[in-house]
Protein backbone atom coordinates (compact mmCIF):
# COMPACT_ATOMS: atom_id res chain seq x y z
CA MET A 1 -125.35 1.26 46.65
CA THR A 2 -125.10 -0.38 43.35
CA ARG A 3 -125.09 -3.78 41.96
CA LEU A 4 -122.48 -3.95 39.30
CA PRO A 5 -121.85 -6.48 36.38
CA VAL A 6 -120.06 -9.26 37.18
CA PRO A 7 -116.20 -8.35 35.82
CA ASP A 8 -114.56 -10.41 32.89
CA LEU A 9 -110.96 -11.50 33.36
CA ASP A 10 -109.90 -10.39 30.00
CA ASP A 11 -111.24 -6.85 30.64
CA ALA A 12 -110.73 -6.36 34.48
CA GLU A 13 -108.68 -3.13 34.09
CA ARG A 14 -111.25 -1.44 31.98
CA TRP A 15 -114.14 -2.86 34.25
CA THR A 16 -112.21 -1.57 37.28
CA ALA A 17 -111.71 1.86 35.73
CA GLU A 18 -115.47 2.27 34.61
CA HIS A 19 -116.94 1.19 38.26
CA LEU A 20 -114.27 1.76 40.76
CA GLY A 21 -112.12 4.41 39.03
CA ASP A 22 -113.44 6.99 41.49
CA LEU A 23 -112.03 5.38 44.39
CA ALA A 24 -108.60 4.52 42.83
CA LEU A 25 -105.35 6.38 44.13
CA GLU A 26 -104.58 7.27 40.41
CA GLY A 27 -108.31 8.00 39.33
CA ALA A 28 -110.02 6.34 36.54
CA ASP A 29 -107.79 7.46 33.85
CA GLY A 30 -104.69 5.80 35.70
CA VAL A 31 -106.20 2.62 36.79
CA ARG A 32 -103.65 -0.19 35.53
CA ALA A 33 -103.30 -3.84 36.27
CA SER A 34 -100.35 -4.94 37.90
CA ARG A 35 -97.38 -6.21 35.41
CA ARG A 36 -96.57 -8.89 37.49
CA PHE A 37 -99.78 -10.49 39.13
CA THR A 38 -103.28 -11.60 38.04
CA GLY A 39 -105.68 -11.98 40.58
CA GLY A 40 -107.89 -15.32 41.09
CA GLN A 41 -107.74 -19.02 42.17
CA THR A 42 -106.60 -20.02 39.01
CA ALA A 43 -103.36 -17.95 38.91
CA ALA A 44 -102.64 -18.58 42.70
CA ASP A 45 -102.99 -22.30 42.10
CA ALA A 46 -100.38 -21.96 39.20
CA ALA A 47 -98.26 -19.54 41.19
CA LEU A 48 -98.07 -22.07 43.86
CA ALA A 49 -97.55 -25.19 41.52
CA GLY A 50 -94.25 -23.25 39.85
CA PHE A 51 -92.75 -22.37 43.24
CA ASP A 52 -89.93 -24.79 44.18
CA VAL A 53 -88.28 -24.02 47.68
CA ARG A 54 -85.04 -24.98 46.94
CA GLY A 55 -82.41 -22.49 47.04
CA TYR A 56 -85.02 -20.08 48.94
CA ALA A 57 -82.54 -19.47 51.81
CA SER A 58 -79.78 -18.05 50.26
CA ARG A 59 -81.77 -16.28 47.38
CA ARG A 60 -84.71 -14.93 49.02
CA SER A 61 -83.05 -11.78 49.59
CA ALA A 62 -81.87 -11.02 45.96
CA VAL A 63 -83.20 -7.89 44.46
CA LEU A 64 -81.59 -7.66 41.43
CA PRO A 65 -81.24 -9.17 38.74
CA GLU A 66 -84.79 -10.46 38.95
CA GLU A 67 -84.27 -13.84 37.81
CA ASP A 68 -81.88 -14.50 40.60
CA ARG A 69 -84.46 -13.71 43.30
CA GLY A 70 -85.81 -16.47 45.35
CA ALA A 71 -88.71 -14.85 46.73
CA SER A 72 -91.92 -16.93 45.98
CA ALA A 73 -94.37 -13.99 45.08
CA LEU A 74 -97.02 -15.79 46.50
CA SER A 75 -97.93 -13.02 48.81
CA PRO A 76 -100.87 -11.65 46.97
CA TYR A 77 -102.56 -14.50 46.86
CA ILE A 78 -101.88 -15.40 50.24
CA ARG A 79 -102.94 -11.84 51.68
CA HIS A 80 -106.61 -12.58 49.81
CA GLY A 81 -106.84 -15.89 50.90
CA LEU A 82 -106.75 -17.74 47.40
CA LEU A 83 -103.55 -19.46 49.37
CA PRO A 84 -104.18 -20.52 52.99
CA LEU A 85 -101.12 -20.73 55.04
CA PRO A 86 -101.53 -24.23 55.59
CA ARG A 87 -101.68 -25.26 52.22
CA VAL A 88 -98.64 -23.50 51.69
CA TRP A 89 -96.77 -24.69 54.46
CA ASP A 90 -97.87 -28.20 53.23
CA HIS A 91 -96.48 -27.48 49.41
CA VAL A 92 -92.80 -27.11 50.50
CA GLY A 93 -92.81 -30.04 52.49
CA GLY A 94 -89.96 -32.63 51.50
CA GLY A 95 -87.83 -30.19 50.34
CA PRO A 96 -84.31 -29.10 51.42
CA ALA A 97 -84.23 -28.78 55.39
CA ARG A 98 -82.82 -25.39 55.41
CA ASP A 99 -85.28 -23.92 52.60
CA VAL A 100 -88.09 -25.37 54.00
CA ALA A 101 -87.14 -24.32 57.56
CA LYS A 102 -86.59 -20.79 56.34
CA PHE A 103 -89.57 -20.50 54.50
CA ARG A 104 -91.63 -21.87 56.97
CA ASP A 105 -90.34 -19.34 59.31
CA GLU A 106 -91.74 -16.37 56.99
CA LEU A 107 -95.21 -18.21 56.91
CA LEU A 108 -94.89 -18.35 61.10
CA TRP A 109 -94.19 -14.60 60.61
CA GLN A 110 -97.22 -13.86 58.74
CA GLU A 111 -99.54 -15.57 61.14
CA TYR A 112 -97.95 -14.12 64.03
CA ALA A 113 -98.81 -10.33 62.45
CA ARG A 114 -102.31 -11.86 61.92
CA HIS A 115 -102.59 -12.61 65.52
CA VAL A 116 -101.08 -9.15 66.60
CA TYR A 117 -103.75 -7.39 64.49
CA ALA A 118 -106.68 -9.58 65.58
CA ARG A 119 -105.83 -8.68 69.41
CA VAL A 120 -105.00 -5.18 69.05
CA GLY A 121 -106.52 -3.86 65.73
CA ARG A 122 -106.15 -0.18 64.77
CA ARG A 123 -103.93 0.16 67.81
CA ILE A 124 -101.00 -1.46 65.99
CA ALA A 125 -100.21 1.97 64.97
CA ALA A 126 -99.00 2.72 68.35
CA PRO A 127 -95.52 1.73 68.82
CA LEU A 128 -95.26 -2.00 70.01
CA ARG A 129 -92.49 -1.58 72.36
CA ARG A 130 -90.31 1.24 71.57
CA GLU A 131 -90.70 4.74 69.95
CA PRO A 132 -89.27 4.57 66.60
CA ALA A 133 -85.63 5.76 66.45
CA VAL A 134 -84.90 8.82 64.57
CA GLY A 135 -81.81 9.23 62.14
CA ARG A 136 -80.07 12.20 61.17
CA GLY A 137 -82.73 13.60 58.97
CA TRP A 138 -82.32 15.70 55.87
CA ASP A 139 -84.94 17.86 53.70
CA GLY A 140 -86.47 16.83 51.09
CA GLU A 141 -88.04 13.51 49.99
CA PRO A 142 -87.72 10.53 52.15
CA TYR A 143 -86.44 8.50 49.56
CA PRO A 144 -85.06 10.75 47.01
CA GLU A 145 -85.33 9.84 43.06
CA ALA A 146 -81.54 10.43 42.63
CA MET A 147 -80.65 7.43 44.28
CA ALA A 148 -80.68 4.42 41.77
CA CYS A 149 -81.86 2.12 44.54
CA MET A 150 -84.82 4.29 46.01
CA SER A 151 -85.56 5.10 42.09
CA ALA A 152 -85.60 1.31 41.13
CA VAL A 153 -87.81 0.29 44.25
CA ARG A 154 -90.31 3.32 43.64
CA ARG A 155 -90.57 2.12 40.16
CA GLU A 156 -91.11 -1.78 40.88
CA LEU A 157 -93.81 -0.49 43.38
CA VAL A 158 -95.85 1.85 41.17
CA GLU A 159 -95.83 -0.63 37.96
CA ASP A 160 -95.94 -4.13 39.80
CA GLY A 161 -97.65 -3.09 43.14
CA TRP A 162 -94.84 -5.47 44.84
CA LEU A 163 -91.60 -5.86 46.15
CA VAL A 164 -89.36 -8.36 47.87
CA ASN A 165 -88.79 -8.05 51.30
CA GLN A 166 -85.17 -6.56 51.01
CA SER A 167 -86.55 -3.61 49.12
CA ARG A 168 -89.31 -2.87 51.75
CA LEU A 169 -86.58 -3.09 54.44
CA TRP A 170 -84.89 -0.47 52.25
CA VAL A 171 -87.52 1.67 52.11
CA ALA A 172 -88.69 1.64 55.58
CA SER A 173 -84.96 2.37 56.65
CA GLN A 174 -84.57 5.26 54.22
CA TRP A 175 -87.97 6.63 55.08
CA THR A 176 -87.43 6.68 59.14
CA VAL A 177 -84.03 5.75 60.12
CA ARG A 178 -82.36 8.27 57.78
CA ALA A 179 -85.00 10.69 56.78
CA GLY A 180 -86.48 10.88 60.04
CA TRP A 181 -89.92 10.46 58.78
CA ASP A 182 -92.82 8.92 60.75
CA TRP A 183 -93.21 5.39 60.12
CA ARG A 184 -96.87 5.07 59.80
CA ALA A 185 -96.95 7.74 56.80
CA GLY A 186 -94.59 5.45 55.28
CA GLU A 187 -96.34 2.37 55.83
CA ARG A 188 -99.63 4.09 54.42
CA ALA A 189 -97.95 5.01 51.18
CA LEU A 190 -96.60 1.56 50.54
CA TYR A 191 -99.98 -0.05 51.27
CA ARG A 192 -101.85 2.03 49.04
CA HIS A 193 -99.69 0.57 46.10
CA LEU A 194 -99.09 -2.89 47.27
CA VAL A 195 -101.34 -5.76 45.86
CA ASP A 196 -100.36 -7.71 48.84
CA GLY A 197 -101.03 -4.79 51.38
CA SER A 198 -101.96 -6.06 54.76
CA PRO A 199 -102.56 -3.81 57.85
CA ALA A 200 -101.15 -6.81 59.83
CA ALA A 201 -98.14 -7.44 58.26
CA ASN A 202 -97.24 -4.06 57.00
CA GLY A 203 -98.29 -2.60 60.32
CA VAL A 204 -95.68 -5.06 62.33
CA GLY A 205 -93.45 -5.46 60.00
CA TRP A 206 -92.62 -1.39 59.92
CA GLN A 207 -92.32 -1.31 63.63
CA TRP A 208 -89.49 -4.06 63.49
CA ALA A 209 -87.79 -2.41 60.80
CA VAL A 210 -87.82 0.94 62.55
CA GLY A 211 -86.86 -0.49 65.72
CA ALA A 212 -90.18 0.18 67.51
CA GLY A 213 -90.74 -3.55 68.09
CA THR A 214 -87.17 -4.44 69.28
CA GLY A 215 -85.12 -1.37 69.86
CA LYS A 216 -82.99 -2.23 67.05
CA PRO A 217 -83.60 -0.52 63.89
CA TYR A 218 -82.56 -1.94 60.41
CA GLY A 219 -79.41 -0.06 59.41
CA PHE A 220 -79.61 0.55 55.41
CA ALA A 221 -76.40 1.19 53.96
CA ARG A 222 -74.86 0.76 50.26
CA TRP A 223 -73.31 -2.56 51.29
CA GLN A 224 -76.59 -4.08 51.14
CA VAL A 225 -77.44 -2.70 47.56
CA GLU A 226 -74.15 -3.95 46.55
CA ARG A 227 -74.67 -7.17 47.91
CA ARG A 228 -78.19 -7.68 46.97
CA ALA A 229 -78.42 -5.60 43.59
CA PRO A 230 -74.97 -5.93 41.95
CA GLY A 231 -74.17 -3.44 39.50
CA LEU A 232 -77.16 -1.14 40.50
CA CYS A 233 -74.81 1.39 42.16
CA ALA A 234 -72.64 1.76 39.28
CA THR A 235 -75.47 3.26 37.30
CA CYS A 236 -76.39 5.94 40.14
CA PRO A 237 -75.84 9.31 39.75
CA LEU A 238 -74.53 9.54 43.31
CA HIS A 239 -72.00 6.83 43.11
CA ARG A 240 -69.38 8.83 44.20
CA ALA A 241 -71.08 10.84 46.48
CA CYS A 242 -73.46 8.14 47.99
CA PRO A 243 -75.66 9.59 51.12
CA ILE A 244 -75.84 5.74 52.54
CA GLN A 245 -72.23 5.16 52.32
CA GLU A 246 -72.22 4.19 55.95
CA PHE A 247 -74.48 2.77 58.41
CA PRO A 248 -77.00 5.39 59.92
CA ALA A 249 -76.39 6.90 63.23
CA ALA A 250 -79.49 5.78 64.85
CA GLY A 251 -80.29 4.45 68.31
CA SER A 252 -83.35 2.87 70.13
CA GLY A 253 -85.84 5.07 70.81
CA PRO A 254 -87.23 5.18 74.42
CA GLN A 255 -89.71 2.25 75.89
CA VAL A 256 -93.07 2.57 75.85
CA ALA A 257 -96.10 1.09 77.49
CA PRO A 258 -96.97 -2.20 75.89
CA VAL A 259 -100.40 -1.52 73.41
CA PRO A 260 -103.32 -3.31 75.40
CA GLY A 261 -103.65 -6.97 74.66
CA LEU A 262 -100.04 -7.37 73.43
CA ALA A 263 -98.70 -8.91 76.65
CA ALA A 264 -101.55 -11.01 77.25
CA ASP A 265 -104.91 -11.85 75.52
CA PRO A 266 -107.70 -11.79 77.71
CA ASP A 267 -110.09 -13.72 75.49
CA PRO A 268 -108.16 -16.23 72.85
CA ALA A 269 -111.44 -17.32 71.29
CA THR A 270 -112.43 -14.14 70.44
CA THR A 271 -109.73 -13.43 68.65
CA ALA A 272 -109.25 -16.69 66.85
CA GLY A 273 -113.18 -16.60 66.02
CA PRO A 274 -115.07 -20.16 66.31
CA ALA A 275 -113.22 -23.61 66.06
CA ALA A 276 -116.04 -25.02 64.45
CA PRO A 277 -119.01 -24.04 62.09
CA VAL A 278 -121.53 -21.90 63.94
CA LEU A 279 -125.02 -22.60 62.48
CA ARG A 280 -128.04 -19.95 63.50
CA GLY A 281 -130.32 -20.79 60.30
CA GLU A 282 -130.42 -21.53 56.59
CA PRO A 283 -128.11 -19.21 54.81
CA GLU A 284 -129.23 -17.92 51.42
CA THR A 285 -125.88 -16.63 50.39
CA VAL A 286 -122.19 -16.93 50.87
CA TRP A 287 -120.81 -13.20 51.75
CA LEU A 288 -117.03 -13.31 50.69
CA THR A 289 -114.72 -10.72 52.17
CA ALA A 290 -111.20 -9.22 50.74
CA GLU A 291 -109.70 -11.70 53.29
CA SER A 292 -110.80 -14.83 51.93
CA LEU A 293 -111.66 -14.66 48.23
CA GLY A 294 -110.43 -18.55 47.19
CA ASP A 295 -112.25 -21.50 46.23
CA ALA A 296 -111.06 -23.05 49.76
CA ASP A 297 -112.64 -20.08 51.86
CA PRO A 298 -114.54 -22.53 54.35
CA ALA A 299 -117.92 -20.88 53.94
CA LEU A 300 -117.69 -21.26 50.12
CA ALA A 301 -116.51 -24.77 50.19
CA ALA A 302 -119.42 -25.97 52.43
CA LEU A 303 -122.30 -24.40 50.31
CA PRO A 304 -121.30 -24.95 46.80
CA GLU A 305 -124.76 -24.58 45.59
CA LEU A 306 -125.29 -21.48 47.05
CA PRO A 307 -124.25 -18.01 45.08
CA ALA A 308 -121.69 -15.72 46.48
CA VAL A 309 -121.82 -11.90 46.99
CA PHE A 310 -118.85 -9.77 47.15
CA VAL A 311 -119.25 -5.85 48.20
CA PHE A 312 -116.47 -3.29 47.29
CA ASP A 313 -116.99 -1.34 50.47
CA GLU A 314 -117.43 2.32 49.14
CA PRO A 315 -116.77 4.49 52.44
CA LEU A 316 -113.77 1.99 53.40
CA LEU A 317 -112.16 2.12 49.59
CA ALA A 318 -112.72 5.93 49.64
CA ALA A 319 -111.13 6.62 52.75
CA LEU A 320 -107.58 4.24 51.78
CA ARG A 321 -107.56 5.22 48.19
CA LEU A 322 -105.79 2.02 47.03
CA SER A 323 -104.03 1.83 43.75
CA GLY A 324 -106.08 0.86 40.73
CA LYS A 325 -103.56 -2.38 40.60
CA ARG A 326 -105.07 -3.43 43.78
CA LEU A 327 -108.70 -3.01 43.00
CA VAL A 328 -107.81 -4.91 39.50
CA LEU A 329 -106.52 -7.98 41.18
CA LEU A 330 -109.85 -8.10 43.18
CA ALA A 331 -111.92 -7.77 40.30
CA GLU A 332 -109.93 -10.44 38.48
CA CYS A 333 -110.42 -12.76 41.46
CA LEU A 334 -114.12 -12.56 41.60
CA ALA A 335 -114.11 -12.94 37.66
CA ASP A 336 -112.33 -15.98 37.89
CA LEU A 337 -114.54 -17.42 40.68
CA ALA A 338 -117.74 -16.34 38.63
CA SER A 339 -116.35 -18.97 35.87
CA ARG A 340 -117.16 -21.51 38.24
CA ARG A 341 -120.35 -20.31 40.37
CA GLU A 342 -122.49 -18.07 40.78
CA VAL A 343 -121.40 -14.40 41.92
CA GLU A 344 -122.86 -10.96 42.77
CA VAL A 345 -120.77 -7.82 42.92
CA HIS A 346 -121.73 -4.55 44.54
CA ARG A 347 -120.49 -1.34 45.53
CA GLY A 348 -121.71 0.44 48.68
CA ALA A 349 -121.72 0.40 52.48
CA VAL A 350 -121.54 -3.48 53.53
CA PRO A 351 -124.38 -3.55 56.14
CA ALA A 352 -126.66 -1.44 53.53
CA VAL A 353 -125.93 -3.86 50.80
CA LEU A 354 -126.59 -6.99 52.71
CA ALA A 355 -129.29 -5.96 55.30
CA GLY A 356 -131.93 -8.45 55.44
CA ARG A 357 -129.90 -11.52 53.69
CA ARG A 358 -129.39 -14.83 55.38
CA LEU A 359 -125.65 -15.06 55.01
CA ALA A 360 -122.75 -17.75 55.57
CA VAL A 361 -119.46 -16.08 55.90
CA THR A 362 -115.77 -17.30 57.06
CA HIS A 363 -114.63 -15.65 60.34
CA ALA A 364 -111.94 -12.62 59.44
CA PRO A 365 -109.25 -11.56 61.64
CA VAL A 366 -109.42 -7.99 61.47
CA PRO A 367 -111.58 -5.77 63.46
CA GLY A 368 -113.52 -4.56 60.44
CA PHE A 369 -115.29 -8.12 60.32
CA ARG A 370 -116.54 -7.69 63.66
CA THR A 371 -118.13 -4.55 63.38
CA ARG A 372 -119.59 -5.38 59.80
CA SER A 373 -120.81 -8.95 60.73
CA ALA A 374 -122.58 -7.42 64.16
CA ALA A 375 -124.92 -5.70 62.00
CA LEU A 376 -126.01 -8.41 59.59
CA GLU A 377 -127.80 -11.84 59.81
CA ILE A 378 -124.91 -14.41 59.82
CA SER A 379 -126.73 -17.80 59.67
CA ALA A 380 -123.63 -19.63 59.36
CA LEU A 381 -120.08 -18.59 60.61
CA HIS A 382 -117.25 -20.84 59.45
CA PRO A 383 -113.79 -21.08 61.15
CA TRP A 384 -110.89 -18.88 59.73
CA PRO A 385 -108.07 -21.71 58.46
CA TRP A 386 -105.46 -20.79 60.76
CA LEU A 387 -101.78 -22.08 60.62
CA ARG A 388 -101.30 -21.57 64.45
CA ARG A 389 -104.78 -20.86 66.50
CA PRO A 390 -104.25 -18.34 68.83
CA ALA A 391 -103.81 -19.54 72.38
CA GLY A 392 -103.06 -16.16 74.33
CA GLY A 393 -99.88 -15.38 75.93
CA SER A 394 -97.67 -12.85 75.06
CA ALA A 395 -97.14 -11.56 71.25
CA ARG A 396 -94.41 -9.04 72.11
CA SER A 397 -91.93 -10.88 70.47
CA PHE A 398 -92.14 -12.94 67.61
CA THR A 399 -89.94 -15.66 69.48
CA ALA A 400 -91.76 -15.62 72.36
CA TRP A 401 -94.96 -16.37 70.20
CA VAL A 402 -93.74 -19.01 68.50
CA GLU A 403 -92.77 -20.77 71.69
CA ARG A 404 -96.15 -20.70 72.94
CA HIS A 405 -97.96 -21.67 69.49
CA GLY A 406 -95.27 -24.25 67.93
CA GLY A 407 -92.96 -24.33 65.21
CA THR A 408 -89.10 -23.53 64.99
CA PRO A 409 -88.17 -20.65 63.49
CA ALA A 410 -84.74 -20.84 61.55
CA SER A 411 -83.34 -18.01 63.47
CA GLY A 412 -84.03 -17.30 67.23
CA ARG A 413 -83.68 -13.60 66.76
CA PRO A 414 -86.76 -11.48 67.13
CA ARG A 415 -87.95 -10.55 63.52
CA ARG A 416 -87.50 -6.79 62.16
CA PRO A 417 -88.41 -7.07 58.45
CA ALA A 418 -91.38 -6.21 56.55
CA ARG A 419 -91.84 -9.90 56.12
CA ARG A 420 -92.90 -10.74 52.27
CA ARG A 421 -92.47 -14.09 50.58
């Protein structure tokens, strides 16, 4: 295990390449920051302040030109706890009713995905309701570079580490419904690049896009590209022989036995974590996880006098091989936080690095937190800031979940897309 120097915000790219480059997807020489996003609470606050929900409902699916997009691009900050969902929910209050309803519907989807993942953990990789539908299939890449729509998506993914939801739908449908490739391989491929990559939202979103959640796969065709990215098809080498001219011929796959815990949660209290701080001793350090790196982290906010510690989980990162863009964003979050309070940064296995230290931490609704925290001395465990605290019942459909947890979706239809704001 290694204690690292604290990153500098203006030099986070070089710092990441030097200290974490061997763990990055591209290797040390290929580590680059996202063109679009800077990590840290300061950047997150500015992004939220600059987001106006007006027009969201009609423009959220726009892909090109970029200036026509209505997506908020807040998802990297939501993913890493810099913008808790309740704060984002409140921010849009008072906006046009249709736009507020649609935006809050997307926040509820994000919360729903967290509930599903907190319940079933890595079993999220098993089909939720049906085997994914298989399309016509063809030889070669699942998203051919010759297709202008897929080329544009790939370029933005690699350079920015982010895609609007419509683009994510195109990739998921092309990868699985048309090319017939395993959705789990596609989900992992995008996850490695996305600076907002989330096992919860990615896993549930891909399942809905390929029909494993509803039995209704998303049919990607030229019509969507012409509507959401006007003019792009005219630049395509295949515009006169478009392989996605018509909707794909793909039916629903066979129904499968439900993933254990999805139809009913036998222990909602464990899924949710504590409803109030659990104090077992006097903490000496606040342990920050990648789920919660913002100033509003409950443990961090409750103990402003204590130093914070973050561990780049070497065994996990070696297995995941995330893009350097994601690692740079994490380094920027730590550098920004270190401008306001003492921060320690380590690289190694979390239990070994933090062994023997009395820790305060915020519960994280992911399976890795349970296993790691069980091996550590947690003196103070603080509640996760849920938008809707888990209440049990079925999570096999978004609509059923919403009915039980409160909040009315903008549409009663089951959700299929890989949701992102």
